[in-house]
Amino acid sequence: MFDDLLLQQAENVLVLYRQAGKRLATAESCTGGLIAGCLTEIAGSSDVVDRGFVTYSNAAKSEMLGVSAALLEHPGPGAVSAEVAVAMARGALKASQADVTVSATGIAGPGGASKDKPVGLVYLGWAVRGDTAHALHHVFPGDRAAVRLATVREALRLLTEALS
């Protein structure tokens, strides 16, 4: 599933966090655990990866990460939004021993899109303990698998950038 380039990127993240003495956690919706899966594909990753939250449903986002119903429901921003990505990243910090978290929520397709939220729209959030949380969005091209793998690649990049 993960190509050599993606696995090398994951290994680089692990080395960077190991050298810094930091731990990380993931909070995933549209990727269904692929970010954590890519990181833990590397032997010895348990000294860096604290845990991963797969919060595919809105109920899971609320129960596991403390994301408020007001954010998740209409007329709120909805589950696929910068606000929810930030709340997921913050919630993962609260519910883990991690120093840095990354989150992903989006529409991998082929269904679930709307005029305002097309297939490929993904919001990634990240939070650093003792600092503020941030989010950004992308519209990744391709089918479901391509969108999900592009999200993993971008999440690994953000984890690297978070320690800079």
C-alpha atoms as a PDB file:
ATOM      1  CA  MET A   1       0.000   0.000   0.000  1.00  0.00           C
ATOM      2  CA  PHE A   2       2.713   2.510   0.932  1.00  0.00           C
ATOM      3  CA  ASP A   3       5.370   3.175  -1.689  1.00  0.00           C
ATOM      4  CA  ASP A   4       9.061   3.436  -0.839  1.00  0.00           C
ATOM      5  CA  LEU A   5       9.013   7.244  -0.982  1.00  0.00           C
ATOM      6  CA  LEU A   6       6.174   7.464   1.540  1.00  0.00           C
ATOM      7  CA  LEU A   7       7.850   4.959   3.850  1.00  0.00           C
ATOM      8  CA  GLN A   8      11.092   6.956   3.661  1.00  0.00           C
ATOM      9  CA  GLN A   9       9.155  10.106   4.560  1.00  0.00           C
ATOM     10  CA  ALA A  10       7.614   8.281   7.541  1.00  0.00           C
ATOM     11  CA  GLU A  11      11.018   7.038   8.646  1.00  0.00           C
ATOM     12  CA  ASN A  12      12.394  10.587   8.432  1.00  0.00           C
ATOM     13  CA  VAL A  13       9.565  11.810  10.689  1.00  0.00           C
ATOM     14  CA  LEU A  14      10.345   9.090  13.223  1.00  0.00           C
ATOM     15  CA  VAL A  15      14.066   9.918  13.226  1.00  0.00           C
ATOM     16  CA  LEU A  16      13.351  13.624  13.672  1.00  0.00           C
ATOM     17  CA  TYR A  17      10.973  13.028  16.598  1.00  0.00           C
ATOM     18  CA  ARG A  18      13.286  10.469  18.172  1.00  0.00           C
ATOM     19  CA  GLN A  19      16.202  12.921  18.054  1.00  0.00           C
ATOM     20  CA  ALA A  20      14.033  15.654  19.573  1.00  0.00           C
ATOM     21  CA  GLY A  21      12.695  13.328  22.274  1.00  0.00           C
ATOM     22  CA  LYS A  22       9.129  14.020  21.165  1.00  0.00           C
ATOM     23  CA  ARG A  23       6.061  11.811  20.698  1.00  0.00           C
ATOM     24  CA  LEU A  24       3.205  12.176  18.255  1.00  0.00           C
ATOM     25  CA  ALA A  25      -0.398  11.087  17.819  1.00  0.00           C
ATOM     26  CA  THR A  26      -2.843  11.088  14.923  1.00  0.00           C
ATOM     27  CA  ALA A  27      -6.552  11.895  14.727  1.00  0.00           C
ATOM     28  CA  GLU A  28      -7.982  10.612  11.463  1.00  0.00           C
ATOM     29  CA  SER A  29     -11.295  10.602   9.697  1.00  0.00           C
ATOM     30  CA  CYS A  30     -11.036  10.354   5.899  1.00  0.00           C
ATOM     31  CA  THR A  31      -7.751   8.433   6.087  1.00  0.00           C
ATOM     32  CA  GLY A  32      -9.158   5.811   8.434  1.00  0.00           C
ATOM     33  CA  GLY A  33      -5.855   5.247  10.235  1.00  0.00           C
ATOM     34  CA  LEU A  34      -3.514   5.340   7.238  1.00  0.00           C
ATOM     35  CA  ILE A  35      -1.287   8.060   8.734  1.00  0.00           C
ATOM     36  CA  ALA A  36      -0.695   6.007  11.882  1.00  0.00           C
ATOM     37  CA  GLY A  37      -0.455   2.885   9.725  1.00  0.00           C
ATOM     38  CA  CYS A  38       2.284   4.387   7.588  1.00  0.00           C
ATOM     39  CA  LEU A  39       4.269   5.507  10.621  1.00  0.00           C
ATOM     40  CA  THR A  40       3.892   2.155  12.376  1.00  0.00           C
ATOM     41  CA  GLU A  41       4.905   0.291   9.227  1.00  0.00           C
ATOM     42  CA  ILE A  42       8.437   1.235  10.363  1.00  0.00           C
ATOM     43  CA  ALA A  43       9.866  -1.130  12.973  1.00  0.00           C
ATOM     44  CA  GLY A  44      10.602   0.538  16.298  1.00  0.00           C
ATOM     45  CA  SER A  45       8.073   3.339  15.809  1.00  0.00           C
ATOM     46  CA  SER A  46       6.497   2.759  19.234  1.00  0.00           C
ATOM     47  CA  ASP A  47       9.040   5.041  20.892  1.00  0.00           C
ATOM     48  CA  VAL A  48       7.642   7.961  18.858  1.00  0.00           C
ATOM     49  CA  VAL A  49       4.029   7.096  17.986  1.00  0.00           C
ATOM     50  CA  ASP A  50       1.921   7.373  21.133  1.00  0.00           C
ATOM     51  CA  ARG A  51      -1.465   6.495  19.618  1.00  0.00           C
ATOM     52  CA  GLY A  52      -3.852   7.025  16.753  1.00  0.00           C
ATOM     53  CA  PHE A  53      -7.533   7.922  16.861  1.00  0.00           C
ATOM     54  CA  VAL A  54      -9.744   6.800  13.990  1.00  0.00           C
ATOM     55  CA  THR A  55     -12.804   9.003  14.349  1.00  0.00           C
ATOM     56  CA  TYR A  56     -14.699   8.334  11.166  1.00  0.00           C
ATOM     57  CA  SER A  57     -18.142   9.222  12.546  1.00  0.00           C
ATOM     58  CA  ASN A  58     -19.176  12.523  14.089  1.00  0.00           C
ATOM     59  CA  ALA A  59     -20.056  10.646  17.279  1.00  0.00           C
ATOM     60  CA  ALA A  60     -16.483   9.321  17.486  1.00  0.00           C
ATOM     61  CA  LYS A  61     -15.072  12.812  16.939  1.00  0.00           C
ATOM     62  CA  SER A  62     -17.154  14.040  19.879  1.00  0.00           C
ATOM     63  CA  GLU A  63     -16.664  11.064  22.191  1.00  0.00           C
ATOM     64  CA  MET A  64     -12.970  10.414  21.622  1.00  0.00           C
ATOM     65  CA  LEU A  65     -11.654  13.904  20.848  1.00  0.00           C
ATOM     66  CA  GLY A  66     -14.181  16.237  22.446  1.00  0.00           C
ATOM     67  CA  VAL A  67     -15.169  17.945  19.185  1.00  0.00           C
ATOM     68  CA  SER A  68     -18.325  19.937  19.918  1.00  0.00           C
ATOM     69  CA  ALA A  69     -21.591  19.040  18.244  1.00  0.00           C
ATOM     70  CA  ALA A  70     -21.992  22.700  17.264  1.00  0.00           C
ATOM     71  CA  LEU A  71     -18.943  22.419  15.002  1.00  0.00           C
ATOM     72  CA  LEU A  72     -19.997  19.125  13.492  1.00  0.00           C
ATOM     73  CA  GLU A  73     -23.648  19.863  12.752  1.00  0.00           C
ATOM     74  CA  HIS A  74     -25.397  22.064  10.238  1.00  0.00           C
ATOM     75  CA  PRO A  75     -25.459  25.115  10.318  1.00  0.00           C
ATOM     76  CA  GLY A  76     -22.010  24.836  11.924  1.00  0.00           C
ATOM     77  CA  PRO A  77     -18.921  24.514   9.758  1.00  0.00           C
ATOM     78  CA  GLY A  78     -19.465  20.746   9.496  1.00  0.00           C
ATOM     79  CA  ALA A  79     -17.167  17.764   9.930  1.00  0.00           C
ATOM     80  CA  VAL A  80     -15.107  18.708   6.876  1.00  0.00           C
ATOM     81  CA  SER A  81     -13.768  22.074   7.998  1.00  0.00           C
ATOM     82  CA  ALA A  82     -10.710  23.828   9.354  1.00  0.00           C
ATOM     83  CA  GLU A  83     -12.456  24.273  12.696  1.00  0.00           C
ATOM     84  CA  VAL A  84     -13.022  20.542  13.095  1.00  0.00           C
ATOM     85  CA  ALA A  85      -9.472  19.707  11.968  1.00  0.00           C
ATOM     86  CA  VAL A  86      -8.130  22.039  14.690  1.00  0.00           C
ATOM     87  CA  ALA A  87     -10.528  20.632  17.295  1.00  0.00           C
ATOM     88  CA  MET A  88      -9.470  17.090  16.383  1.00  0.00           C
ATOM     89  CA  ALA A  89      -5.774  17.963  16.729  1.00  0.00           C
ATOM     90  CA  ARG A  90      -6.374  19.675  20.077  1.00  0.00           C
ATOM     91  CA  GLY A  91      -8.530  16.793  21.292  1.00  0.00           C
ATOM     92  CA  ALA A  92      -5.818  14.301  20.391  1.00  0.00           C
ATOM     93  CA  LEU A  93      -3.332  16.310  22.475  1.00  0.00           C
ATOM     94  CA  LYS A  94      -5.669  16.223  25.470  1.00  0.00           C
ATOM     95  CA  ALA A  95      -6.323  12.492  25.126  1.00  0.00           C
ATOM     96  CA  SER A  96      -2.702  11.418  24.630  1.00  0.00           C
ATOM     97  CA  GLN A  97       0.850  11.729  25.868  1.00  0.00           C
ATOM     98  CA  ALA A  98       1.927  13.232  22.545  1.00  0.00           C
ATOM     99  CA  ASP A  99       3.829  16.473  22.090  1.00  0.00           C
ATOM    100  CA  VAL A 100       2.522  16.963  18.543  1.00  0.00           C
ATOM    101  CA  THR A 101      -0.658  15.791  16.856  1.00  0.00           C
ATOM    102  CA  VAL A 102      -1.911  15.796  13.292  1.00  0.00           C
ATOM    103  CA  SER A 103      -5.514  15.418  12.156  1.00  0.00           C
ATOM    104  CA  ALA A 104      -7.274  14.812   8.854  1.00  0.00           C
ATOM    105  CA  THR A 105     -10.904  15.250   7.853  1.00  0.00           C
ATOM    106  CA  GLY A 106     -12.166  15.363   4.313  1.00  0.00           C
ATOM    107  CA  ILE A 107     -14.066  13.908   1.403  1.00  0.00           C
ATOM    108  CA  ALA A 108     -12.112  11.092  -0.217  1.00  0.00           C
ATOM    109  CA  GLY A 109     -14.982  10.178  -2.551  1.00  0.00           C
ATOM    110  CA  PRO A 110     -16.362   8.968  -4.726  1.00  0.00           C
ATOM    111  CA  GLY A 111     -19.543  10.196  -2.964  1.00  0.00           C
ATOM    112  CA  GLY A 112     -20.232  12.655  -0.184  1.00  0.00           C
ATOM    113  CA  ALA A 113     -19.324  15.793  -2.119  1.00  0.00           C
ATOM    114  CA  SER A 114     -21.301  18.992  -2.507  1.00  0.00           C
ATOM    115  CA  LYS A 115     -20.879  22.176  -4.534  1.00  0.00           C
ATOM    116  CA  ASP A 116     -18.949  23.787  -1.673  1.00  0.00           C
ATOM    117  CA  LYS A 117     -17.077  20.652  -0.631  1.00  0.00           C
ATOM    118  CA  PRO A 118     -15.781  18.668  -3.618  1.00  0.00           C
ATOM    119  CA  VAL A 119     -14.258  15.208  -3.649  1.00  0.00           C
ATOM    120  CA  GLY A 120     -10.606  15.574  -2.665  1.00  0.00           C
ATOM    121  CA  LEU A 121     -11.183  18.396  -0.167  1.00  0.00           C
ATOM    122  CA  VAL A 122      -9.151  17.643   2.944  1.00  0.00           C
ATOM    123  CA  TYR A 123      -8.466  19.746   6.021  1.00  0.00           C
ATOM    124  CA  LEU A 124      -5.363  18.867   7.999  1.00  0.00           C
ATOM    125  CA  GLY A 125      -4.837  20.163  11.496  1.00  0.00           C
ATOM    126  CA  TRP A 126      -1.828  20.073  13.759  1.00  0.00           C
ATOM    127  CA  ALA A 127      -1.221  21.032  17.340  1.00  0.00           C
ATOM    128  CA  VAL A 128       1.909  21.343  19.439  1.00  0.00           C
ATOM    129  CA  ARG A 129       1.636  21.050  23.194  1.00  0.00           C
ATOM    130  CA  GLY A 130       1.929  24.515  24.756  1.00  0.00           C
ATOM    131  CA  ASP A 131       1.337  26.235  21.408  1.00  0.00           C
ATOM    132  CA  THR A 132      -1.594  27.042  19.160  1.00  0.00           C
ATOM    133  CA  ALA A 133      -3.241  24.663  16.720  1.00  0.00           C
ATOM    134  CA  HIS A 134      -3.483  25.295  12.983  1.00  0.00           C
ATOM    135  CA  ALA A 135      -5.242  23.936   9.925  1.00  0.00           C
ATOM    136  CA  LEU A 136      -4.875  24.102   6.190  1.00  0.00           C
ATOM    137  CA  HIS A 137      -6.795  22.655   3.308  1.00  0.00           C
ATOM    138  CA  HIS A 138      -6.070  20.981   0.014  1.00  0.00           C
ATOM    139  CA  VAL A 139      -8.135  19.666  -2.832  1.00  0.00           C
ATOM    140  CA  PHE A 140      -6.241  16.554  -3.880  1.00  0.00           C
ATOM    141  CA  PRO A 141      -6.848  15.116  -7.349  1.00  0.00           C
ATOM    142  CA  GLY A 142      -7.599  11.519  -8.177  1.00  0.00           C
ATOM    143  CA  ASP A 143      -9.688   8.674  -6.878  1.00  0.00           C
ATOM    144  CA  ARG A 144     -10.320   7.694  -3.258  1.00  0.00           C
ATOM    145  CA  ALA A 145      -6.977   5.907  -2.868  1.00  0.00           C
ATOM    146  CA  ALA A 146      -5.049   8.824  -4.376  1.00  0.00           C
ATOM    147  CA  VAL A 147      -6.759  11.372  -2.113  1.00  0.00           C
ATOM    148  CA  ARG A 148      -6.096   9.305   0.991  1.00  0.00           C
ATOM    149  CA  LEU A 149      -2.423   8.690   0.148  1.00  0.00           C
ATOM    150  CA  ALA A 150      -1.890  12.369  -0.720  1.00  0.00           C
ATOM    151  CA  THR A 151      -3.350  13.200   2.684  1.00  0.00           C
ATOM    152  CA  VAL A 152      -0.897  10.829   4.391  1.00  0.00           C
ATOM    153  CA  ARG A 153       2.004  12.450   2.526  1.00  0.00           C
ATOM    154  CA  GLU A 154       0.887  15.948   3.539  1.00  0.00           C
ATOM    155  CA  ALA A 155       0.303  14.891   7.162  1.00  0.00           C
ATOM    156  CA  LEU A 156       3.864  13.551   7.353  1.00  0.00           C
ATOM    157  CA  ARG A 157       5.142  16.840   5.916  1.00  0.00           C
ATOM    158  CA  LEU A 158       3.185  18.771   8.562  1.00  0.00           C
ATOM    159  CA  LEU A 159       4.563  16.579  11.340  1.00  0.00           C
ATOM    160  CA  THR A 160       8.062  17.429  10.121  1.00  0.00           C
ATOM    161  CA  GLU A 161       7.267  21.128   9.865  1.00  0.00           C
ATOM    162  CA  ALA A 162       5.693  21.181  13.350  1.00  0.00           C
ATOM    163  CA  LEU A 163       9.086  20.553  14.940  1.00  0.00           C
ATOM    164  CA  SER A 164      10.783  23.334  12.944  1.00  0.00           C
END
